[in-house]
Amino acid sequence: MELAKFKKHIKQTRDKYFVDTQKMVDMVFSNSGYDQKPKSYFLNTPTDFLEGMRKELWTNLRETEKVFNVFVMEDLLSESRNLEDKIDIRDKDTFLEKVSVLLSEYDEHIIELGKSNTNSRRSRAGKEFEHTVHKLFLMSGIRFDPQGYIGQKKFEEQGLSKIVDSVVPGVLEYHLEKHKCALISMKTSLRERWQEVPEERSRTGAHMMYLITLDEQISNEIIDSLYEHNVRIVVRDWIKETKYKQNQRVLGLRNLIEDLLDIMEYWNRKKRRVYSDEQFLEKYNDYRERSQNEGITSAERCMWDEHMNMFKSKKKRPD
């Protein structure tokens, strides 16, 4: 099989074997029993949830990847001419030599398969991280608008770029009073492109932006630079406790949840009168649509219903 054809075959086969990242996160969330956990679990042990999900997602990915690799290589070898003449595995005395011939014959193909797997892992890791954090927000009782659901166009209409993954409590509230909202960005690593985050915070004029990362080695230079631009780095709680306990410029996941709940409280009690009747209806219909998503669990549906009921009546309450 020609190398160009093999590359195309890898992509086409990958699309058949690997489940969409959102569906995979939904499946792991349910199969691991997280949909049965109380709200207090997500509020008190967000790091346990995040790391537990990532471990299960990685296990599922590796199992699928092994089957995928075998299938792709079988397709490659089945289309190879004169392969049996070159390699006779029945000749045990020269088996290793035959394997060497095989690897030499298809070295570029094997390299391309490895590259494809590496690129896929990186892409999936970022998306699964984002979906998992959104699960954490939802189960903690936090309202949010993810760019993946709302759509890039609606974000761009509010001057938000692709680097903003979600807005708490939502894009509508950001339009009404951006200083009382939180912009959320997520990066598995801060080794590159982290400079885009403070640039986006400054450009939008948002009061605060949070950068959630899995990175365990963050330099003081990066921490200080982000903090000076009102961007707070958020790490897993054990990293906060062991490496940044005295550094108030770095938050743990629990700290983030507390901050976001404070924002929620502000909008729940103080500013409900700023919504017009049309905006009340818009919020209600939005949450109802999310509640009716067939891919979510009953626990998630209950959380969206709770948010929906906040906007069930268009009659505004006084401060």
C-alpha atoms as a PDB file:
ATOM      1  CA  MET A   1       0.000   0.000   0.000  1.00  0.00           C
ATOM      2  CA  GLU A   2       1.424   3.362  -1.001  1.00  0.00           C
ATOM      3  CA  LEU A   3       2.265   5.663   1.925  1.00  0.00           C
ATOM      4  CA  ALA A   4      -0.185   8.391   0.823  1.00  0.00           C
ATOM      5  CA  LYS A   5      -2.978   5.849   0.580  1.00  0.00           C
ATOM      6  CA  PHE A   6      -2.034   4.419   3.976  1.00  0.00           C
ATOM      7  CA  LYS A   7      -2.248   7.873   5.610  1.00  0.00           C
ATOM      8  CA  LYS A   8      -5.739   8.340   4.214  1.00  0.00           C
ATOM      9  CA  HIS A   9      -6.703   4.844   5.338  1.00  0.00           C
ATOM     10  CA  ILE A  10      -5.533   5.583   8.897  1.00  0.00           C
ATOM     11  CA  LYS A  11      -7.752   8.670   9.099  1.00  0.00           C
ATOM     12  CA  GLN A  12     -10.809   6.928   7.655  1.00  0.00           C
ATOM     13  CA  THR A  13     -10.384   3.934   9.960  1.00  0.00           C
ATOM     14  CA  ARG A  14      -9.801   6.102  13.025  1.00  0.00           C
ATOM     15  CA  ASP A  15     -13.113   7.855  12.479  1.00  0.00           C
ATOM     16  CA  LYS A  16     -14.838   4.463  12.599  1.00  0.00           C
ATOM     17  CA  TYR A  17     -13.067   3.084  15.661  1.00  0.00           C
ATOM     18  CA  PHE A  18     -12.914   6.019  18.058  1.00  0.00           C
ATOM     19  CA  VAL A  19     -15.967   7.446  19.784  1.00  0.00           C
ATOM     20  CA  ASP A  20     -16.507  11.221  19.797  1.00  0.00           C
ATOM     21  CA  THR A  21     -14.840  12.774  22.860  1.00  0.00           C
ATOM     22  CA  GLN A  22     -18.096  14.128  24.309  1.00  0.00           C
ATOM     23  CA  LYS A  23     -19.748  10.726  24.009  1.00  0.00           C
ATOM     24  CA  MET A  24     -16.712   9.040  25.540  1.00  0.00           C
ATOM     25  CA  VAL A  25     -16.746  11.403  28.538  1.00  0.00           C
ATOM     26  CA  ASP A  26     -20.505  10.840  28.925  1.00  0.00           C
ATOM     27  CA  MET A  27     -19.978   7.067  28.848  1.00  0.00           C
ATOM     28  CA  VAL A  28     -17.118   7.037  31.365  1.00  0.00           C
ATOM     29  CA  PHE A  29     -18.984   9.448  33.650  1.00  0.00           C
ATOM     30  CA  SER A  30     -21.947   7.070  33.769  1.00  0.00           C
ATOM     31  CA  ASN A  31     -20.082   3.734  33.774  1.00  0.00           C
ATOM     32  CA  SER A  32     -17.788   4.873  36.587  1.00  0.00           C
ATOM     33  CA  GLY A  33     -20.766   5.747  38.787  1.00  0.00           C
ATOM     34  CA  TYR A  34     -20.096   9.472  38.996  1.00  0.00           C
ATOM     35  CA  ASP A  35     -23.707  10.168  38.080  1.00  0.00           C
ATOM     36  CA  GLN A  36     -24.627   8.576  41.426  1.00  0.00           C
ATOM     37  CA  LYS A  37     -22.347  10.823  43.468  1.00  0.00           C
ATOM     38  CA  PRO A  38     -23.915  13.587  45.594  1.00  0.00           C
ATOM     39  CA  LYS A  39     -23.256  17.236  44.887  1.00  0.00           C
ATOM     40  CA  SER A  40     -20.997  17.393  47.949  1.00  0.00           C
ATOM     41  CA  TYR A  41     -18.562  14.964  46.290  1.00  0.00           C
ATOM     42  CA  PHE A  42     -17.895  17.354  43.419  1.00  0.00           C
ATOM     43  CA  LEU A  43     -17.705  20.382  45.720  1.00  0.00           C
ATOM     44  CA  ASN A  44     -15.299  18.778  48.190  1.00  0.00           C
ATOM     45  CA  THR A  45     -13.169  16.484  46.029  1.00  0.00           C
ATOM     46  CA  PRO A  46     -13.040  17.957  42.512  1.00  0.00           C
ATOM     47  CA  THR A  47      -9.478  16.729  41.991  1.00  0.00           C
ATOM     48  CA  ASP A  48     -10.476  13.123  42.748  1.00  0.00           C
ATOM     49  CA  PHE A  49     -13.193  13.392  40.128  1.00  0.00           C
ATOM     50  CA  LEU A  50     -10.927  14.961  37.512  1.00  0.00           C
ATOM     51  CA  GLU A  51      -8.116  12.452  37.995  1.00  0.00           C
ATOM     52  CA  GLY A  52     -10.493   9.495  38.197  1.00  0.00           C
ATOM     53  CA  MET A  53     -12.118  10.480  34.918  1.00  0.00           C
ATOM     54  CA  ARG A  54      -8.768  10.980  33.202  1.00  0.00           C
ATOM     55  CA  LYS A  55      -7.534   7.575  34.340  1.00  0.00           C
ATOM     56  CA  GLU A  56     -10.606   5.805  32.974  1.00  0.00           C
ATOM     57  CA  LEU A  57     -10.533   7.805  29.737  1.00  0.00           C
ATOM     58  CA  TRP A  58      -6.878   6.886  29.208  1.00  0.00           C
ATOM     59  CA  THR A  59      -7.590   3.202  29.840  1.00  0.00           C
ATOM     60  CA  ASN A  60     -10.432   3.242  27.317  1.00  0.00           C
ATOM     61  CA  LEU A  61      -8.284   5.060  24.764  1.00  0.00           C
ATOM     62  CA  ARG A  62      -5.399   2.580  25.048  1.00  0.00           C
ATOM     63  CA  GLU A  63      -7.691  -0.421  24.698  1.00  0.00           C
ATOM     64  CA  THR A  64      -9.305   1.043  21.592  1.00  0.00           C
ATOM     65  CA  GLU A  65      -5.941   2.103  20.212  1.00  0.00           C
ATOM     66  CA  LYS A  66      -4.534  -1.427  20.449  1.00  0.00           C
ATOM     67  CA  VAL A  67      -7.431  -2.887  18.475  1.00  0.00           C
ATOM     68  CA  PHE A  68      -7.190  -0.046  15.974  1.00  0.00           C
ATOM     69  CA  ASN A  69      -3.447  -0.565  15.435  1.00  0.00           C
ATOM     70  CA  VAL A  70      -3.898  -4.273  14.780  1.00  0.00           C
ATOM     71  CA  PHE A  71      -6.701  -3.644  12.309  1.00  0.00           C
ATOM     72  CA  VAL A  72      -4.759  -0.990  10.392  1.00  0.00           C
ATOM     73  CA  MET A  73      -1.605  -3.106  10.186  1.00  0.00           C
ATOM     74  CA  GLU A  74      -3.593  -6.145   9.055  1.00  0.00           C
ATOM     75  CA  ASP A  75      -5.063  -4.044   6.248  1.00  0.00           C
ATOM     76  CA  LEU A  76      -1.588  -2.886   5.282  1.00  0.00           C
ATOM     77  CA  LEU A  77      -0.114  -6.375   5.193  1.00  0.00           C
ATOM     78  CA  SER A  78      -3.094  -7.919   3.423  1.00  0.00           C
ATOM     79  CA  GLU A  79      -2.579  -5.564   0.499  1.00  0.00           C
ATOM     80  CA  SER A  80       1.139  -6.184   0.273  1.00  0.00           C
ATOM     81  CA  ARG A  81       2.307  -8.297  -2.617  1.00  0.00           C
ATOM     82  CA  ASN A  82       4.872 -11.069  -2.275  1.00  0.00           C
ATOM     83  CA  LEU A  83       4.815 -10.666   1.506  1.00  0.00           C
ATOM     84  CA  GLU A  84       4.752 -14.426   2.068  1.00  0.00           C
ATOM     85  CA  ASP A  85       7.810 -14.827  -0.134  1.00  0.00           C
ATOM     86  CA  LYS A  86       9.722 -12.292   1.935  1.00  0.00           C
ATOM     87  CA  ILE A  87       8.581 -13.457   5.349  1.00  0.00           C
ATOM     88  CA  ASP A  88       7.904 -17.053   6.270  1.00  0.00           C
ATOM     89  CA  ILE A  89       7.015 -17.071   9.940  1.00  0.00           C
ATOM     90  CA  ARG A  90       7.109 -20.875   9.920  1.00  0.00           C
ATOM     91  CA  ASP A  91      10.865 -20.703   9.658  1.00  0.00           C
ATOM     92  CA  LYS A  92      11.509 -20.341  13.401  1.00  0.00           C
ATOM     93  CA  ASP A  93      15.294 -20.258  13.036  1.00  0.00           C
ATOM     94  CA  THR A  94      15.135 -16.900  11.270  1.00  0.00           C
ATOM     95  CA  PHE A  95      11.969 -15.464  12.846  1.00  0.00           C
ATOM     96  CA  LEU A  96      13.692 -12.358  14.262  1.00  0.00           C
ATOM     97  CA  GLU A  97      15.347 -11.736  10.931  1.00  0.00           C
ATOM     98  CA  LYS A  98      11.981 -11.934   9.221  1.00  0.00           C
ATOM     99  CA  VAL A  99      10.507  -9.457  11.670  1.00  0.00           C
ATOM    100  CA  SER A 100      13.399  -7.144  10.936  1.00  0.00           C
ATOM    101  CA  VAL A 101      12.650  -7.413   7.233  1.00  0.00           C
ATOM    102  CA  LEU A 102       9.002  -6.607   7.907  1.00  0.00           C
ATOM    103  CA  LEU A 103       9.865  -3.533   9.986  1.00  0.00           C
ATOM    104  CA  SER A 104      12.340  -2.369   7.391  1.00  0.00           C
ATOM    105  CA  GLU A 105       9.826  -2.864   4.572  1.00  0.00           C
ATOM    106  CA  TYR A 106       7.147  -0.767   6.290  1.00  0.00           C
ATOM    107  CA  ASP A 107       9.166   1.580   8.475  1.00  0.00           C
ATOM    108  CA  GLU A 108       7.571   4.741   7.052  1.00  0.00           C
ATOM    109  CA  HIS A 109       4.084   3.268   7.430  1.00  0.00           C
ATOM    110  CA  ILE A 110       4.730   2.370  11.070  1.00  0.00           C
ATOM    111  CA  ILE A 111       6.110   5.860  11.744  1.00  0.00           C
ATOM    112  CA  GLU A 112       3.003   7.442  10.201  1.00  0.00           C
ATOM    113  CA  LEU A 113       0.738   5.268  12.350  1.00  0.00           C
ATOM    114  CA  GLY A 114       2.671   6.362  15.441  1.00  0.00           C
ATOM    115  CA  LYS A 115       2.404  10.034  14.468  1.00  0.00           C
ATOM    116  CA  SER A 116      -1.309   9.676  13.895  1.00  0.00           C
ATOM    117  CA  ASN A 117      -1.779   8.097  17.328  1.00  0.00           C
ATOM    118  CA  THR A 118       0.261  10.833  19.027  1.00  0.00           C
ATOM    119  CA  ASN A 119      -1.648  13.653  17.358  1.00  0.00           C
ATOM    120  CA  SER A 120      -4.960  11.976  18.140  1.00  0.00           C
ATOM    121  CA  ARG A 121      -4.027  11.552  21.802  1.00  0.00           C
ATOM    122  CA  ARG A 122      -3.133  15.220  22.153  1.00  0.00           C
ATOM    123  CA  SER A 123      -6.305  16.384  20.475  1.00  0.00           C
ATOM    124  CA  ARG A 124      -8.533  14.037  22.464  1.00  0.00           C
ATOM    125  CA  ALA A 125      -6.802  14.841  25.772  1.00  0.00           C
ATOM    126  CA  GLY A 126      -7.610  18.537  25.440  1.00  0.00           C
ATOM    127  CA  LYS A 127     -11.223  17.978  24.447  1.00  0.00           C
ATOM    128  CA  GLU A 128     -11.833  15.318  27.104  1.00  0.00           C
ATOM    129  CA  PHE A 129     -10.286  17.606  29.727  1.00  0.00           C
ATOM    130  CA  GLU A 130     -12.680  20.371  28.725  1.00  0.00           C
ATOM    131  CA  HIS A 131     -15.746  18.091  28.769  1.00  0.00           C
ATOM    132  CA  THR A 132     -14.740  16.674  32.152  1.00  0.00           C
ATOM    133  CA  VAL A 133     -14.382  20.139  33.714  1.00  0.00           C
ATOM    134  CA  HIS A 134     -17.812  21.024  32.372  1.00  0.00           C
ATOM    135  CA  LYS A 135     -19.203  17.923  34.085  1.00  0.00           C
ATOM    136  CA  LEU A 136     -17.597  19.159  37.291  1.00  0.00           C
ATOM    137  CA  PHE A 137     -19.217  22.578  36.901  1.00  0.00           C
ATOM    138  CA  LEU A 138     -22.634  21.119  36.212  1.00  0.00           C
ATOM    139  CA  MET A 139     -22.590  18.683  39.115  1.00  0.00           C
ATOM    140  CA  SER A 140     -21.377  21.458  41.434  1.00  0.00           C
ATOM    141  CA  GLY A 141     -24.429  23.545  40.575  1.00  0.00           C
ATOM    142  CA  ILE A 142     -22.591  26.080  38.415  1.00  0.00           C
ATOM    143  CA  ARG A 143     -24.271  27.534  35.337  1.00  0.00           C
ATOM    144  CA  PHE A 144     -22.033  28.016  32.336  1.00  0.00           C
ATOM    145  CA  ASP A 145     -22.038  28.434  28.588  1.00  0.00           C
ATOM    146  CA  PRO A 146     -19.422  26.305  26.810  1.00  0.00           C
ATOM    147  CA  GLN A 147     -18.219  27.539  23.456  1.00  0.00           C
ATOM    148  CA  GLY A 148     -18.557  24.024  22.047  1.00  0.00           C
ATOM    149  CA  TYR A 149     -22.311  24.082  22.777  1.00  0.00           C
ATOM    150  CA  ILE A 150     -23.178  27.733  22.284  1.00  0.00           C
ATOM    151  CA  GLY A 151     -21.092  28.037  19.131  1.00  0.00           C
ATOM    152  CA  GLN A 152     -18.073  30.113  18.174  1.00  0.00           C
ATOM    153  CA  LYS A 153     -20.218  32.658  16.331  1.00  0.00           C
ATOM    154  CA  LYS A 154     -22.136  33.646  19.455  1.00  0.00           C
ATOM    155  CA  PHE A 155     -18.890  33.956  21.385  1.00  0.00           C
ATOM    156  CA  GLU A 156     -17.399  36.139  18.667  1.00  0.00           C
ATOM    157  CA  GLU A 157     -20.455  38.401  18.771  1.00  0.00           C
ATOM    158  CA  GLN A 158     -19.503  39.195  22.366  1.00  0.00           C
ATOM    159  CA  GLY A 159     -15.850  39.716  21.468  1.00  0.00           C
ATOM    160  CA  LEU A 160     -14.716  36.350  22.842  1.00  0.00           C
ATOM    161  CA  SER A 161     -12.130  34.299  20.989  1.00  0.00           C
ATOM    162  CA  LYS A 162     -11.588  30.569  20.655  1.00  0.00           C
ATOM    163  CA  ILE A 163      -9.276  30.591  23.667  1.00  0.00           C
ATOM    164  CA  VAL A 164     -12.268  31.106  25.997  1.00  0.00           C
ATOM    165  CA  ASP A 165     -13.745  27.656  26.590  1.00  0.00           C
ATOM    166  CA  SER A 166     -16.696  28.737  28.727  1.00  0.00           C
ATOM    167  CA  VAL A 167     -18.334  31.671  30.474  1.00  0.00           C
ATOM    168  CA  VAL A 168     -19.843  31.581  33.969  1.00  0.00           C
ATOM    169  CA  PRO A 169     -22.737  32.020  34.359  1.00  0.00           C
ATOM    170  CA  GLY A 170     -23.257  32.647  30.638  1.00  0.00           C
ATOM    171  CA  VAL A 171     -22.785  34.693  27.493  1.00  0.00           C
ATOM    172  CA  LEU A 172     -25.971  36.686  28.133  1.00  0.00           C
ATOM    173  CA  GLU A 173     -24.752  37.733  31.572  1.00  0.00           C
ATOM    174  CA  TYR A 174     -21.385  38.632  30.070  1.00  0.00           C
ATOM    175  CA  HIS A 175     -23.225  40.966  27.706  1.00  0.00           C
ATOM    176  CA  LEU A 176     -25.139  42.496  30.608  1.00  0.00           C
ATOM    177  CA  GLU A 177     -22.278  42.905  33.079  1.00  0.00           C
ATOM    178  CA  LYS A 178     -18.952  41.367  32.099  1.00  0.00           C
ATOM    179  CA  HIS A 179     -17.243  42.391  35.339  1.00  0.00           C
ATOM    180  CA  LYS A 180     -19.484  39.988  37.246  1.00  0.00           C
ATOM    181  CA  CYS A 181     -18.692  36.983  35.061  1.00  0.00           C
ATOM    182  CA  ALA A 182     -15.784  34.574  34.805  1.00  0.00           C
ATOM    183  CA  LEU A 183     -14.041  33.550  31.619  1.00  0.00           C
ATOM    184  CA  ILE A 184     -12.657  30.028  31.728  1.00  0.00           C
ATOM    185  CA  SER A 185      -9.784  28.713  29.642  1.00  0.00           C
ATOM    186  CA  MET A 186      -8.365  25.193  29.871  1.00  0.00           C
ATOM    187  CA  LYS A 187      -4.962  23.902  28.841  1.00  0.00           C
ATOM    188  CA  THR A 188      -3.487  20.515  29.654  1.00  0.00           C
ATOM    189  CA  SER A 189      -0.031  22.130  29.506  1.00  0.00           C
ATOM    190  CA  LEU A 190       1.339  25.678  29.776  1.00  0.00           C
ATOM    191  CA  ARG A 191       4.486  24.967  27.798  1.00  0.00           C
ATOM    192  CA  GLU A 192       3.295  26.948  24.819  1.00  0.00           C
ATOM    193  CA  ARG A 193       0.704  29.532  23.789  1.00  0.00           C
ATOM    194  CA  TRP A 194      -0.087  30.528  27.377  1.00  0.00           C
ATOM    195  CA  GLN A 195       0.595  34.169  26.404  1.00  0.00           C
ATOM    196  CA  GLU A 196      -2.695  34.184  24.496  1.00  0.00           C
ATOM    197  CA  VAL A 197      -4.668  33.996  27.732  1.00  0.00           C
ATOM    198  CA  PRO A 198      -3.688  37.367  29.304  1.00  0.00           C
ATOM    199  CA  GLU A 199      -3.980  38.992  25.875  1.00  0.00           C
ATOM    200  CA  GLU A 200      -7.562  37.760  25.631  1.00  0.00           C
ATOM    201  CA  ARG A 201      -8.387  38.883  29.181  1.00  0.00           C
ATOM    202  CA  SER A 202      -7.069  42.379  28.472  1.00  0.00           C
ATOM    203  CA  ARG A 203      -8.819  42.613  25.123  1.00  0.00           C
ATOM    204  CA  THR A 204     -12.233  41.596  26.454  1.00  0.00           C
ATOM    205  CA  GLY A 205     -12.061  43.767  29.567  1.00  0.00           C
ATOM    206  CA  ALA A 206     -13.313  40.908  31.742  1.00  0.00           C
ATOM    207  CA  HIS A 207     -12.689  41.342  35.471  1.00  0.00           C
ATOM    208  CA  MET A 208     -11.172  37.909  35.927  1.00  0.00           C
ATOM    209  CA  MET A 209     -10.097  34.986  33.806  1.00  0.00           C
ATOM    210  CA  TYR A 210      -9.263  31.532  35.120  1.00  0.00           C
ATOM    211  CA  LEU A 211      -6.791  29.224  33.430  1.00  0.00           C
ATOM    212  CA  ILE A 212      -7.283  25.602  34.481  1.00  0.00           C
ATOM    213  CA  THR A 213      -4.315  23.381  33.748  1.00  0.00           C
ATOM    214  CA  LEU A 214      -2.966  19.905  34.417  1.00  0.00           C
ATOM    215  CA  ASP A 215       0.601  21.199  34.269  1.00  0.00           C
ATOM    216  CA  GLU A 216       2.670  20.325  37.344  1.00  0.00           C
ATOM    217  CA  GLN A 217       5.721  22.439  36.522  1.00  0.00           C
ATOM    218  CA  ILE A 218       4.734  26.100  36.238  1.00  0.00           C
ATOM    219  CA  SER A 219       7.456  28.718  36.490  1.00  0.00           C
ATOM    220  CA  ASN A 220       7.153  31.757  38.715  1.00  0.00           C
ATOM    221  CA  GLU A 221       7.580  33.870  35.601  1.00  0.00           C
ATOM    222  CA  ILE A 222       4.395  32.453  34.079  1.00  0.00           C
ATOM    223  CA  ILE A 223       2.486  32.668  37.359  1.00  0.00           C
ATOM    224  CA  ASP A 224       3.435  36.306  37.926  1.00  0.00           C
ATOM    225  CA  SER A 225       2.860  37.330  34.318  1.00  0.00           C
ATOM    226  CA  LEU A 226      -0.638  35.849  34.284  1.00  0.00           C
ATOM    227  CA  TYR A 227      -1.555  37.244  37.693  1.00  0.00           C
ATOM    228  CA  GLU A 228      -0.525  40.748  36.676  1.00  0.00           C
ATOM    229  CA  HIS A 229      -3.071  40.475  33.860  1.00  0.00           C
ATOM    230  CA  ASN A 230      -5.840  39.260  36.217  1.00  0.00           C
ATOM    231  CA  VAL A 231      -5.521  35.657  35.089  1.00  0.00           C
ATOM    232  CA  ARG A 232      -5.541  33.086  37.885  1.00  0.00           C
ATOM    233  CA  ILE A 233      -3.910  29.731  37.331  1.00  0.00           C
ATOM    234  CA  VAL A 234      -5.956  26.814  38.657  1.00  0.00           C
ATOM    235  CA  VAL A 235      -4.268  23.492  39.432  1.00  0.00           C
ATOM    236  CA  ARG A 236      -5.332  20.254  41.035  1.00  0.00           C
ATOM    237  CA  ASP A 237      -5.687  20.564  44.804  1.00  0.00           C
ATOM    238  CA  TRP A 238      -2.778  18.303  45.745  1.00  0.00           C
ATOM    239  CA  ILE A 239      -0.477  20.364  43.536  1.00  0.00           C
ATOM    240  CA  LYS A 240      -1.717  23.541  45.194  1.00  0.00           C
ATOM    241  CA  GLU A 241      -1.049  22.064  48.639  1.00  0.00           C
ATOM    242  CA  THR A 242       2.398  20.606  47.889  1.00  0.00           C
ATOM    243  CA  LYS A 243       3.895  23.204  45.535  1.00  0.00           C
ATOM    244  CA  TYR A 244       1.977  26.448  45.842  1.00  0.00           C
ATOM    245  CA  LYS A 245       0.487  26.423  49.319  1.00  0.00           C
ATOM    246  CA  GLN A 246       1.936  29.828  50.192  1.00  0.00           C
ATOM    247  CA  ASN A 247       1.417  31.287  46.726  1.00  0.00           C
ATOM    248  CA  GLN A 248      -1.930  33.056  46.656  1.00  0.00           C
ATOM    249  CA  ARG A 249      -1.570  33.661  42.948  1.00  0.00           C
ATOM    250  CA  VAL A 250      -2.284  29.993  42.248  1.00  0.00           C
ATOM    251  CA  LEU A 251      -5.665  28.454  43.043  1.00  0.00           C
ATOM    252  CA  GLY A 252      -6.707  24.889  43.630  1.00  0.00           C
ATOM    253  CA  LEU A 253      -9.823  23.417  42.034  1.00  0.00           C
ATOM    254  CA  ARG A 254     -11.771  23.827  45.282  1.00  0.00           C
ATOM    255  CA  ASN A 255     -10.846  27.524  45.339  1.00  0.00           C
ATOM    256  CA  LEU A 256     -12.140  27.885  41.798  1.00  0.00           C
ATOM    257  CA  ILE A 257     -15.447  26.223  42.612  1.00  0.00           C
ATOM    258  CA  GLU A 258     -15.886  28.565  45.575  1.00  0.00           C
ATOM    259  CA  ASP A 259     -15.209  31.620  43.400  1.00  0.00           C
ATOM    260  CA  LEU A 260     -17.662  30.486  40.744  1.00  0.00           C
ATOM    261  CA  LEU A 261     -20.356  29.773  43.319  1.00  0.00           C
ATOM    262  CA  ASP A 262     -19.911  33.325  44.608  1.00  0.00           C
ATOM    263  CA  ILE A 263     -20.530  34.596  41.085  1.00  0.00           C
ATOM    264  CA  MET A 264     -23.604  32.384  40.866  1.00  0.00           C
ATOM    265  CA  GLU A 265     -24.900  33.782  44.138  1.00  0.00           C
ATOM    266  CA  TYR A 266     -24.481  37.310  42.838  1.00  0.00           C
ATOM    267  CA  TRP A 267     -26.611  36.613  39.782  1.00  0.00           C
ATOM    268  CA  ASN A 268     -29.146  34.537  41.686  1.00  0.00           C
ATOM    269  CA  ARG A 269     -29.914  37.129  44.325  1.00  0.00           C
ATOM    270  CA  LYS A 270     -28.577  40.535  43.404  1.00  0.00           C
ATOM    271  CA  LYS A 271     -29.072  40.986  39.724  1.00  0.00           C
ATOM    272  CA  ARG A 272     -32.151  39.043  38.615  1.00  0.00           C
ATOM    273  CA  ARG A 273     -33.922  42.309  37.897  1.00  0.00           C
ATOM    274  CA  VAL A 274     -31.507  43.068  35.042  1.00  0.00           C
ATOM    275  CA  TYR A 275     -33.009  40.332  32.853  1.00  0.00           C
ATOM    276  CA  SER A 276     -35.761  41.410  30.499  1.00  0.00           C
ATOM    277  CA  ASP A 277     -38.800  39.172  30.006  1.00  0.00           C
ATOM    278  CA  GLU A 278     -37.322  38.042  26.686  1.00  0.00           C
ATOM    279  CA  GLN A 279     -34.022  37.185  28.344  1.00  0.00           C
ATOM    280  CA  PHE A 280     -35.793  35.204  31.060  1.00  0.00           C
ATOM    281  CA  LEU A 281     -37.480  33.177  28.345  1.00  0.00           C
ATOM    282  CA  GLU A 282     -34.217  32.785  26.435  1.00  0.00           C
ATOM    283  CA  LYS A 283     -32.457  31.371  29.494  1.00  0.00           C
ATOM    284  CA  TYR A 284     -35.369  29.073  30.293  1.00  0.00           C
ATOM    285  CA  ASN A 285     -35.491  27.638  26.776  1.00  0.00           C
ATOM    286  CA  ASP A 286     -31.714  27.215  26.667  1.00  0.00           C
ATOM    287  CA  TYR A 287     -31.585  25.158  29.866  1.00  0.00           C
ATOM    288  CA  ARG A 288     -34.644  23.171  28.853  1.00  0.00           C
ATOM    289  CA  GLU A 289     -32.919  22.228  25.611  1.00  0.00           C
ATOM    290  CA  ARG A 290     -29.834  21.065  27.491  1.00  0.00           C
ATOM    291  CA  SER A 291     -32.012  19.121  29.912  1.00  0.00           C
ATOM    292  CA  GLN A 292     -33.583  17.245  27.016  1.00  0.00           C
ATOM    293  CA  ASN A 293     -30.225  16.118  25.614  1.00  0.00           C
ATOM    294  CA  GLU A 294     -30.470  12.351  25.220  1.00  0.00           C
ATOM    295  CA  GLY A 295     -26.780  11.834  25.982  1.00  0.00           C
ATOM    296  CA  ILE A 296     -26.854  13.040  29.592  1.00  0.00           C
ATOM    297  CA  THR A 297     -27.598  11.068  32.750  1.00  0.00           C
ATOM    298  CA  SER A 298     -30.614  11.574  34.969  1.00  0.00           C
ATOM    299  CA  ALA A 299     -28.401  13.306  37.541  1.00  0.00           C
ATOM    300  CA  GLU A 300     -27.213  15.817  34.966  1.00  0.00           C
ATOM    301  CA  ARG A 301     -30.769  16.324  33.763  1.00  0.00           C
ATOM    302  CA  CYS A 302     -31.801  17.181  37.313  1.00  0.00           C
ATOM    303  CA  MET A 303     -29.085  19.821  37.502  1.00  0.00           C
ATOM    304  CA  TRP A 304     -30.156  21.422  34.220  1.00  0.00           C
ATOM    305  CA  ASP A 305     -33.776  21.308  35.392  1.00  0.00           C
ATOM    306  CA  GLU A 306     -32.699  23.121  38.536  1.00  0.00           C
ATOM    307  CA  HIS A 307     -31.121  25.856  36.442  1.00  0.00           C
ATOM    308  CA  MET A 308     -34.146  25.941  34.144  1.00  0.00           C
ATOM    309  CA  ASN A 309     -36.492  26.453  37.078  1.00  0.00           C
ATOM    310  CA  MET A 310     -34.535  29.543  38.068  1.00  0.00           C
ATOM    311  CA  PHE A 311     -36.037  31.157  34.974  1.00  0.00           C
ATOM    312  CA  LYS A 312     -39.412  29.457  34.981  1.00  0.00           C
ATOM    313  CA  SER A 313     -41.212  32.649  35.940  1.00  0.00           C
ATOM    314  CA  LYS A 314     -40.655  35.841  33.974  1.00  0.00           C
ATOM    315  CA  LYS A 315     -41.739  37.864  36.989  1.00  0.00           C
ATOM    316  CA  LYS A 316     -38.589  39.428  38.396  1.00  0.00           C
ATOM    317  CA  ARG A 317     -37.822  39.299  42.048  1.00  0.00           C
ATOM    318  CA  PRO A 318     -36.621  42.399  43.913  1.00  0.00           C
ATOM    319  CA  ASP A 319     -33.033  42.585  45.181  1.00  0.00           C
END
